[in-house]
Amino acid sequence: MTPEAILLEVNKVFAEVFGNPSITVGPTTTAKDVPEWDSLNHTALIAAVEKHFQIKFSLREVMRFQNVGDMCALVRAKTGG
């Protein structure tokens, strides 16, 4: 899967989790950029990404995410992309 395809799929997950079909995130997007992105939604987001891509993140991996791009890169690595 290409980085662009992964980002497109991650955007779909964000739209579901945040209940906002018009939300758009990019590689540099952080929690500070999305008003609704609090700790509860962060947990739901991680679980939704794991389910969507059928992968698991370790706590250490999640703690290292600085932005959406970091998440997408790890999704790509875990899906063999």
PDB file of N, CA and C in Angstrom:
ATOM      1  N   MET A   1       0.848  -1.178   0.000  1.00  0.00           N
ATOM      2  CA  MET A   1       0.000   0.000   0.000  1.00  0.00           C
ATOM      3  C   MET A   1       0.892   1.239   0.000  1.00  0.00           C
ATOM      4  N   THR A   2       0.568   2.199  -0.823  1.00  0.00           N
ATOM      5  CA  THR A   2       1.364   3.421  -0.900  1.00  0.00           C
ATOM      6  C   THR A   2       1.073   4.322   0.303  1.00  0.00           C
ATOM      7  N   PRO A   3       2.006   5.220   0.602  1.00  0.00           N
ATOM      8  CA  PRO A   3       1.754   6.173   1.697  1.00  0.00           C
ATOM      9  C   PRO A   3       0.479   6.991   1.469  1.00  0.00           C
ATOM     10  N   GLU A   4       0.216   7.341   0.226  1.00  0.00           N
ATOM     11  CA  GLU A   4      -0.970   8.128  -0.089  1.00  0.00           C
ATOM     12  C   GLU A   4      -2.246   7.326   0.171  1.00  0.00           C
ATOM     13  N   ALA A   5      -2.229   6.054  -0.206  1.00  0.00           N
ATOM     14  CA  ALA A   5      -3.396   5.185   0.010  1.00  0.00           C
ATOM     15  C   ALA A   5      -3.645   4.975   1.499  1.00  0.00           C
ATOM     16  N   ILE A   6      -2.570   4.816   2.255  1.00  0.00           N
ATOM     17  CA  ILE A   6      -2.713   4.651   3.702  1.00  0.00           C
ATOM     18  C   ILE A   6      -3.301   5.920   4.312  1.00  0.00           C
ATOM     19  N   LEU A   7      -2.810   7.071   3.908  1.00  0.00           N
ATOM     20  CA  LEU A   7      -3.335   8.339   4.430  1.00  0.00           C
ATOM     21  C   LEU A   7      -4.811   8.499   4.079  1.00  0.00           C
ATOM     22  N   LEU A   8      -5.202   8.094   2.900  1.00  0.00           N
ATOM     23  CA  LEU A   8      -6.604   8.162   2.500  1.00  0.00           C
ATOM     24  C   LEU A   8      -7.465   7.287   3.416  1.00  0.00           C
ATOM     25  N   GLU A   9      -6.996   6.092   3.703  1.00  0.00           N
ATOM     26  CA  GLU A   9      -7.727   5.187   4.597  1.00  0.00           C
ATOM     27  C   GLU A   9      -7.744   5.722   6.035  1.00  0.00           C
ATOM     28  N   VAL A  10      -6.639   6.294   6.482  1.00  0.00           N
ATOM     29  CA  VAL A  10      -6.575   6.876   7.828  1.00  0.00           C
ATOM     30  C   VAL A  10      -7.558   8.041   7.934  1.00  0.00           C
ATOM     31  N   ASN A  11      -7.696   8.809   6.875  1.00  0.00           N
ATOM     32  CA  ASN A  11      -8.675   9.902   6.878  1.00  0.00           C
ATOM     33  C   ASN A  11     -10.082   9.368   7.072  1.00  0.00           C
ATOM     34  N   LYS A  12     -10.398   8.234   6.457  1.00  0.00           N
ATOM     35  CA  LYS A  12     -11.719   7.619   6.632  1.00  0.00           C
ATOM     36  C   LYS A  12     -11.937   7.218   8.095  1.00  0.00           C
ATOM     37  N   VAL A  13     -10.889   6.682   8.711  1.00  0.00           N
ATOM     38  CA  VAL A  13     -10.988   6.289  10.122  1.00  0.00           C
ATOM     39  C   VAL A  13     -11.204   7.524  10.991  1.00  0.00           C
ATOM     40  N   PHE A  14     -10.473   8.589  10.727  1.00  0.00           N
ATOM     41  CA  PHE A  14     -10.661   9.838  11.480  1.00  0.00           C
ATOM     42  C   PHE A  14     -12.099  10.324  11.352  1.00  0.00           C
ATOM     43  N   ALA A  15     -12.639  10.301  10.138  1.00  0.00           N
ATOM     44  CA  ALA A  15     -14.007  10.765   9.913  1.00  0.00           C
ATOM     45  C   ALA A  15     -14.997   9.954  10.749  1.00  0.00           C
ATOM     46  N   GLU A  16     -14.780   8.643  10.819  1.00  0.00           N
ATOM     47  CA  GLU A  16     -15.655   7.783  11.622  1.00  0.00           C
ATOM     48  C   GLU A  16     -15.525   8.087  13.113  1.00  0.00           C
ATOM     49  N   VAL A  17     -14.288   8.112  13.603  1.00  0.00           N
ATOM     50  CA  VAL A  17     -14.050   8.288  15.036  1.00  0.00           C
ATOM     51  C   VAL A  17     -14.547   9.652  15.518  1.00  0.00           C
ATOM     52  N   PHE A  18     -14.298  10.682  14.733  1.00  0.00           N
ATOM     53  CA  PHE A  18     -14.679  12.030  15.153  1.00  0.00           C
ATOM     54  C   PHE A  18     -16.081  12.421  14.691  1.00  0.00           C
ATOM     55  N   GLY A  19     -16.755  11.528  13.961  1.00  0.00           N
ATOM     56  CA  GLY A  19     -18.110  11.811  13.506  1.00  0.00           C
ATOM     57  C   GLY A  19     -18.195  13.022  12.613  1.00  0.00           C
ATOM     58  N   ASN A  20     -17.146  13.234  11.818  1.00  0.00           N
ATOM     59  CA  ASN A  20     -17.067  14.411  10.967  1.00  0.00           C
ATOM     60  C   ASN A  20     -16.579  13.985   9.580  1.00  0.00           C
ATOM     61  N   PRO A  21     -17.505  13.799   8.632  1.00  0.00           N
ATOM     62  CA  PRO A  21     -17.100  13.318   7.311  1.00  0.00           C
ATOM     63  C   PRO A  21     -16.226  14.286   6.525  1.00  0.00           C
ATOM     64  N   SER A  22     -16.171  15.544   6.944  1.00  0.00           N
ATOM     65  CA  SER A  22     -15.360  16.514   6.209  1.00  0.00           C
ATOM     66  C   SER A  22     -13.961  16.701   6.807  1.00  0.00           C
ATOM     67  N   ILE A  23     -13.644  15.968   7.870  1.00  0.00           N
ATOM     68  CA  ILE A  23     -12.321  16.104   8.482  1.00  0.00           C
ATOM     69  C   ILE A  23     -11.252  15.604   7.518  1.00  0.00           C
ATOM     70  N   THR A  24     -10.159  16.340   7.453  1.00  0.00           N
ATOM     71  CA  THR A  24      -9.036  15.950   6.610  1.00  0.00           C
ATOM     72  C   THR A  24      -7.760  16.126   7.414  1.00  0.00           C
ATOM     73  N   VAL A  25      -6.971  15.058   7.468  1.00  0.00           N
ATOM     74  CA  VAL A  25      -5.691  15.124   8.162  1.00  0.00           C
ATOM     75  C   VAL A  25      -4.577  14.837   7.164  1.00  0.00           C
ATOM     76  N   GLY A  26      -3.409  15.342   7.474  1.00  0.00           N
ATOM     77  CA  GLY A  26      -2.233  15.115   6.643  1.00  0.00           C
ATOM     78  C   GLY A  26      -1.105  14.568   7.495  1.00  0.00           C
ATOM     79  N   PRO A  27       0.035  14.320   6.889  1.00  0.00           N
ATOM     80  CA  PRO A  27       1.154  13.736   7.618  1.00  0.00           C
ATOM     81  C   PRO A  27       1.627  14.560   8.812  1.00  0.00           C
ATOM     82  N   THR A  28       1.469  15.871   8.748  1.00  0.00           N
ATOM     83  CA  THR A  28       1.964  16.720   9.839  1.00  0.00           C
ATOM     84  C   THR A  28       0.890  17.057  10.866  1.00  0.00           C
ATOM     85  N   THR A  29      -0.320  16.545  10.687  1.00  0.00           N
ATOM     86  CA  THR A  29      -1.415  16.821  11.618  1.00  0.00           C
ATOM     87  C   THR A  29      -1.113  16.211  12.990  1.00  0.00           C
ATOM     88  N   THR A  30      -1.367  16.986  14.036  1.00  0.00           N
ATOM     89  CA  THR A  30      -1.200  16.519  15.409  1.00  0.00           C
ATOM     90  C   THR A  30      -2.522  16.707  16.150  1.00  0.00           C
ATOM     91  N   ALA A  31      -2.582  16.203  17.357  1.00  0.00           N
ATOM     92  CA  ALA A  31      -3.783  16.343  18.179  1.00  0.00           C
ATOM     93  C   ALA A  31      -4.129  17.815  18.399  1.00  0.00           C
ATOM     94  N   LYS A  32      -3.131  18.668  18.439  1.00  0.00           N
ATOM     95  CA  LYS A  32      -3.373  20.099  18.644  1.00  0.00           C
ATOM     96  C   LYS A  32      -4.134  20.727  17.483  1.00  0.00           C
ATOM     97  N   ASP A  33      -4.075  20.076  16.312  1.00  0.00           N
ATOM     98  CA  ASP A  33      -4.725  20.612  15.115  1.00  0.00           C
ATOM     99  C   ASP A  33      -6.204  20.228  15.010  1.00  0.00           C
ATOM    100  N   VAL A  34      -6.648  19.278  15.829  1.00  0.00           N
ATOM    101  CA  VAL A  34      -8.021  18.786  15.763  1.00  0.00           C
ATOM    102  C   VAL A  34      -8.664  19.001  17.132  1.00  0.00           C
ATOM    103  N   PRO A  35      -9.565  19.985  17.249  1.00  0.00           N
ATOM    104  CA  PRO A  35     -10.135  20.332  18.553  1.00  0.00           C
ATOM    105  C   PRO A  35     -10.745  19.161  19.323  1.00  0.00           C
ATOM    106  N   GLU A  36     -11.363  18.227  18.631  1.00  0.00           N
ATOM    107  CA  GLU A  36     -12.029  17.101  19.294  1.00  0.00           C
ATOM    108  C   GLU A  36     -11.063  15.986  19.702  1.00  0.00           C
ATOM    109  N   TRP A  37      -9.800  16.093  19.339  1.00  0.00           N
ATOM    110  CA  TRP A  37      -8.832  15.025  19.562  1.00  0.00           C
ATOM    111  C   TRP A  37      -8.314  15.092  20.997  1.00  0.00           C
ATOM    112  N   ASP A  38      -9.062  14.490  21.895  1.00  0.00           N
ATOM    113  CA  ASP A  38      -8.666  14.418  23.292  1.00  0.00           C
ATOM    114  C   ASP A  38      -8.178  13.003  23.596  1.00  0.00           C
ATOM    115  N   SER A  39      -7.883  12.720  24.855  1.00  0.00           N
ATOM    116  CA  SER A  39      -7.318  11.408  25.204  1.00  0.00           C
ATOM    117  C   SER A  39      -8.297  10.268  24.938  1.00  0.00           C
ATOM    118  N   LEU A  40      -9.580  10.509  25.151  1.00  0.00           N
ATOM    119  CA  LEU A  40     -10.573   9.464  24.893  1.00  0.00           C
ATOM    120  C   LEU A  40     -10.665   9.165  23.398  1.00  0.00           C
ATOM    121  N   ASN A  41     -10.737  10.212  22.597  1.00  0.00           N
ATOM    122  CA  ASN A  41     -10.791  10.017  21.149  1.00  0.00           C
ATOM    123  C   ASN A  41      -9.476   9.446  20.616  1.00  0.00           C
ATOM    124  N   HIS A  42      -8.382   9.756  21.265  1.00  0.00           N
ATOM    125  CA  HIS A  42      -7.090   9.201  20.850  1.00  0.00           C
ATOM    126  C   HIS A  42      -7.108   7.679  21.009  1.00  0.00           C
ATOM    127  N   THR A  43      -7.615   7.212  22.131  1.00  0.00           N
ATOM    128  CA  THR A  43      -7.712   5.771  22.377  1.00  0.00           C
ATOM    129  C   THR A  43      -8.628   5.122  21.349  1.00  0.00           C
ATOM    130  N   ALA A  44      -9.760   5.752  21.076  1.00  0.00           N
ATOM    131  CA  ALA A  44     -10.700   5.222  20.080  1.00  0.00           C
ATOM    132  C   ALA A  44     -10.072   5.221  18.692  1.00  0.00           C
ATOM    133  N   LEU A  45      -9.310   6.254  18.394  1.00  0.00           N
ATOM    134  CA  LEU A  45      -8.651   6.361  17.094  1.00  0.00           C
ATOM    135  C   LEU A  45      -7.622   5.247  16.893  1.00  0.00           C
ATOM    136  N   ILE A  46      -6.791   5.022  17.896  1.00  0.00           N
ATOM    137  CA  ILE A  46      -5.784   3.962  17.804  1.00  0.00           C
ATOM    138  C   ILE A  46      -6.465   2.609  17.598  1.00  0.00           C
ATOM    139  N   ALA A  47      -7.513   2.346  18.373  1.00  0.00           N
ATOM    140  CA  ALA A  47      -8.237   1.071  18.242  1.00  0.00           C
ATOM    141  C   ALA A  47      -8.870   0.942  16.857  1.00  0.00           C
ATOM    142  N   ALA A  48      -9.420   2.027  16.347  1.00  0.00           N
ATOM    143  CA  ALA A  48     -10.064   1.995  15.036  1.00  0.00           C
ATOM    144  C   ALA A  48      -9.044   1.779  13.912  1.00  0.00           C
ATOM    145  N   VAL A  49      -7.878   2.403  14.020  1.00  0.00           N
ATOM    146  CA  VAL A  49      -6.828   2.210  13.011  1.00  0.00           C
ATOM    147  C   VAL A  49      -6.343   0.763  13.050  1.00  0.00           C
ATOM    148  N   GLU A  50      -6.139   0.240  14.251  1.00  0.00           N
ATOM    149  CA  GLU A  50      -5.714  -1.158  14.384  1.00  0.00           C
ATOM    150  C   GLU A  50      -6.735  -2.103  13.749  1.00  0.00           C
ATOM    151  N   LYS A  51      -8.000  -1.865  14.023  1.00  0.00           N
ATOM    152  CA  LYS A  51      -9.056  -2.724  13.471  1.00  0.00           C
ATOM    153  C   LYS A  51      -9.129  -2.591  11.954  1.00  0.00           C
ATOM    154  N   HIS A  52      -9.076  -1.366  11.462  1.00  0.00           N
ATOM    155  CA  HIS A  52      -9.195  -1.111  10.028  1.00  0.00           C
ATOM    156  C   HIS A  52      -8.086  -1.809   9.240  1.00  0.00           C
ATOM    157  N   PHE A  53      -6.867  -1.711   9.749  1.00  0.00           N
ATOM    158  CA  PHE A  53      -5.721  -2.282   9.036  1.00  0.00           C
ATOM    159  C   PHE A  53      -5.356  -3.685   9.519  1.00  0.00           C
ATOM    160  N   GLN A  54      -6.101  -4.194  10.515  1.00  0.00           N
ATOM    161  CA  GLN A  54      -5.862  -5.520  11.091  1.00  0.00           C
ATOM    162  C   GLN A  54      -4.414  -5.668  11.578  1.00  0.00           C
ATOM    163  N   ILE A  55      -4.008  -4.693  12.403  1.00  0.00           N
ATOM    164  CA  ILE A  55      -2.665  -4.668  12.990  1.00  0.00           C
ATOM    165  C   ILE A  55      -2.802  -4.350  14.475  1.00  0.00           C
ATOM    166  N   LYS A  56      -1.697  -4.424  15.188  1.00  0.00           N
ATOM    167  CA  LYS A  56      -1.649  -4.027  16.603  1.00  0.00           C
ATOM    168  C   LYS A  56      -0.432  -3.128  16.811  1.00  0.00           C
ATOM    169  N   PHE A  57      -0.646  -2.048  17.555  1.00  0.00           N
ATOM    170  CA  PHE A  57       0.445  -1.174  17.972  1.00  0.00           C
ATOM    171  C   PHE A  57       0.797  -1.509  19.412  1.00  0.00           C
ATOM    172  N   SER A  58       2.063  -1.447  19.740  1.00  0.00           N
ATOM    173  CA  SER A  58       2.456  -1.561  21.141  1.00  0.00           C
ATOM    174  C   SER A  58       2.289  -0.185  21.779  1.00  0.00           C
ATOM    175  N   LEU A  59       2.228  -0.165  23.094  1.00  0.00           N
ATOM    176  CA  LEU A  59       2.127   1.108  23.801  1.00  0.00           C
ATOM    177  C   LEU A  59       3.330   1.990  23.480  1.00  0.00           C
ATOM    178  N   ARG A  60       4.485   1.393  23.420  1.00  0.00           N
ATOM    179  CA  ARG A  60       5.711   2.139  23.108  1.00  0.00           C
ATOM    180  C   ARG A  60       5.607   2.791  21.726  1.00  0.00           C
ATOM    181  N   GLU A  61       5.067   2.059  20.758  1.00  0.00           N
ATOM    182  CA  GLU A  61       4.922   2.620  19.408  1.00  0.00           C
ATOM    183  C   GLU A  61       3.967   3.804  19.415  1.00  0.00           C
ATOM    184  N   VAL A  62       2.841   3.654  20.107  1.00  0.00           N
ATOM    185  CA  VAL A  62       1.859   4.738  20.170  1.00  0.00           C
ATOM    186  C   VAL A  62       2.458   5.968  20.845  1.00  0.00           C
ATOM    187  N   MET A  63       3.231   5.755  21.882  1.00  0.00           N
ATOM    188  CA  MET A  63       3.844   6.876  22.606  1.00  0.00           C
ATOM    189  C   MET A  63       4.843   7.644  21.735  1.00  0.00           C
ATOM    190  N   ARG A  64       5.371   7.004  20.724  1.00  0.00           N
ATOM    191  CA  ARG A  64       6.358   7.647  19.845  1.00  0.00           C
ATOM    192  C   ARG A  64       5.721   8.466  18.721  1.00  0.00           C
ATOM    193  N   PHE A  65       4.424   8.301  18.494  1.00  0.00           N
ATOM    194  CA  PHE A  65       3.777   9.066  17.428  1.00  0.00           C
ATOM    195  C   PHE A  65       3.875  10.553  17.726  1.00  0.00           C
ATOM    196  N   GLN A  66       4.412  11.295  16.783  1.00  0.00           N
ATOM    197  CA  GLN A  66       4.461  12.754  16.897  1.00  0.00           C
ATOM    198  C   GLN A  66       3.361  13.397  16.055  1.00  0.00           C
ATOM    199  N   ASN A  67       2.909  12.664  15.029  1.00  0.00           N
ATOM    200  CA  ASN A  67       1.893  13.193  14.118  1.00  0.00           C
ATOM    201  C   ASN A  67       1.256  12.048  13.334  1.00  0.00           C
ATOM    202  N   VAL A  68       0.329  12.387  12.475  1.00  0.00           N
ATOM    203  CA  VAL A  68      -0.367  11.375  11.677  1.00  0.00           C
ATOM    204  C   VAL A  68       0.607  10.663  10.743  1.00  0.00           C
ATOM    205  N   GLY A  69       1.605  11.364  10.259  1.00  0.00           N
ATOM    206  CA  GLY A  69       2.598  10.748   9.380  1.00  0.00           C
ATOM    207  C   GLY A  69       3.335   9.607  10.055  1.00  0.00           C
ATOM    208  N   ASP A  70       3.650   9.772  11.336  1.00  0.00           N
ATOM    209  CA  ASP A  70       4.304   8.695  12.086  1.00  0.00           C
ATOM    210  C   ASP A  70       3.401   7.469  12.166  1.00  0.00           C
ATOM    211  N   MET A  71       2.127   7.709  12.418  1.00  0.00           N
ATOM    212  CA  MET A  71       1.160   6.614  12.492  1.00  0.00           C
ATOM    213  C   MET A  71       1.080   5.899  11.136  1.00  0.00           C
ATOM    214  N   CYS A  72       0.977   6.661  10.060  1.00  0.00           N
ATOM    215  CA  CYS A  72       0.869   6.088   8.724  1.00  0.00           C
ATOM    216  C   CYS A  72       2.114   5.294   8.348  1.00  0.00           C
ATOM    217  N   ALA A  73       3.286   5.794   8.733  1.00  0.00           N
ATOM    218  CA  ALA A  73       4.532   5.079   8.434  1.00  0.00           C
ATOM    219  C   ALA A  73       4.557   3.732   9.137  1.00  0.00           C
ATOM    220  N   LEU A  74       4.087   3.690  10.374  1.00  0.00           N
ATOM    221  CA  LEU A  74       4.073   2.435  11.108  1.00  0.00           C
ATOM    222  C   LEU A  74       3.004   1.479  10.548  1.00  0.00           C
ATOM    223  N   VAL A  75       1.872   2.031  10.133  1.00  0.00           N
ATOM    224  CA  VAL A  75       0.860   1.202   9.483  1.00  0.00           C
ATOM    225  C   VAL A  75       1.463   0.569   8.238  1.00  0.00           C
ATOM    226  N   ARG A  76       2.176   1.355   7.472  1.00  0.00           N
ATOM    227  CA  ARG A  76       2.809   0.835   6.235  1.00  0.00           C
ATOM    228  C   ARG A  76       3.800  -0.272   6.569  1.00  0.00           C
ATOM    229  N   ALA A  77       4.610  -0.066   7.581  1.00  0.00           N
ATOM    230  CA  ALA A  77       5.611  -1.077   7.974  1.00  0.00           C
ATOM    231  C   ALA A  77       4.928  -2.361   8.439  1.00  0.00           C
ATOM    232  N   LYS A  78       3.842  -2.202   9.182  1.00  0.00           N
ATOM    233  CA  LYS A  78       3.163  -3.389   9.739  1.00  0.00           C
ATOM    234  C   LYS A  78       2.306  -4.122   8.715  1.00  0.00           C
ATOM    235  N   THR A  79       1.925  -3.447   7.642  1.00  0.00           N
ATOM    236  CA  THR A  79       1.123  -4.092   6.616  1.00  0.00           C
ATOM    237  C   THR A  79       1.970  -4.564   5.432  1.00  0.00           C
ATOM    238  N   GLY A  80       3.268  -4.411   5.561  1.00  0.00           N
ATOM    239  CA  GLY A  80       4.156  -4.868   4.510  1.00  0.00           C
ATOM    240  C   GLY A  80       4.199  -3.963   3.299  1.00  0.00           C
ATOM    241  N   GLY A  81       3.745  -2.716   3.517  1.00  0.00           N
ATOM    242  CA  GLY A  81       3.665  -1.750   2.414  1.00  0.00           C
ATOM    243  C   GLY A  81       4.982  -1.218   2.050  1.00  0.00           C
TER     244      GLY A  81
END
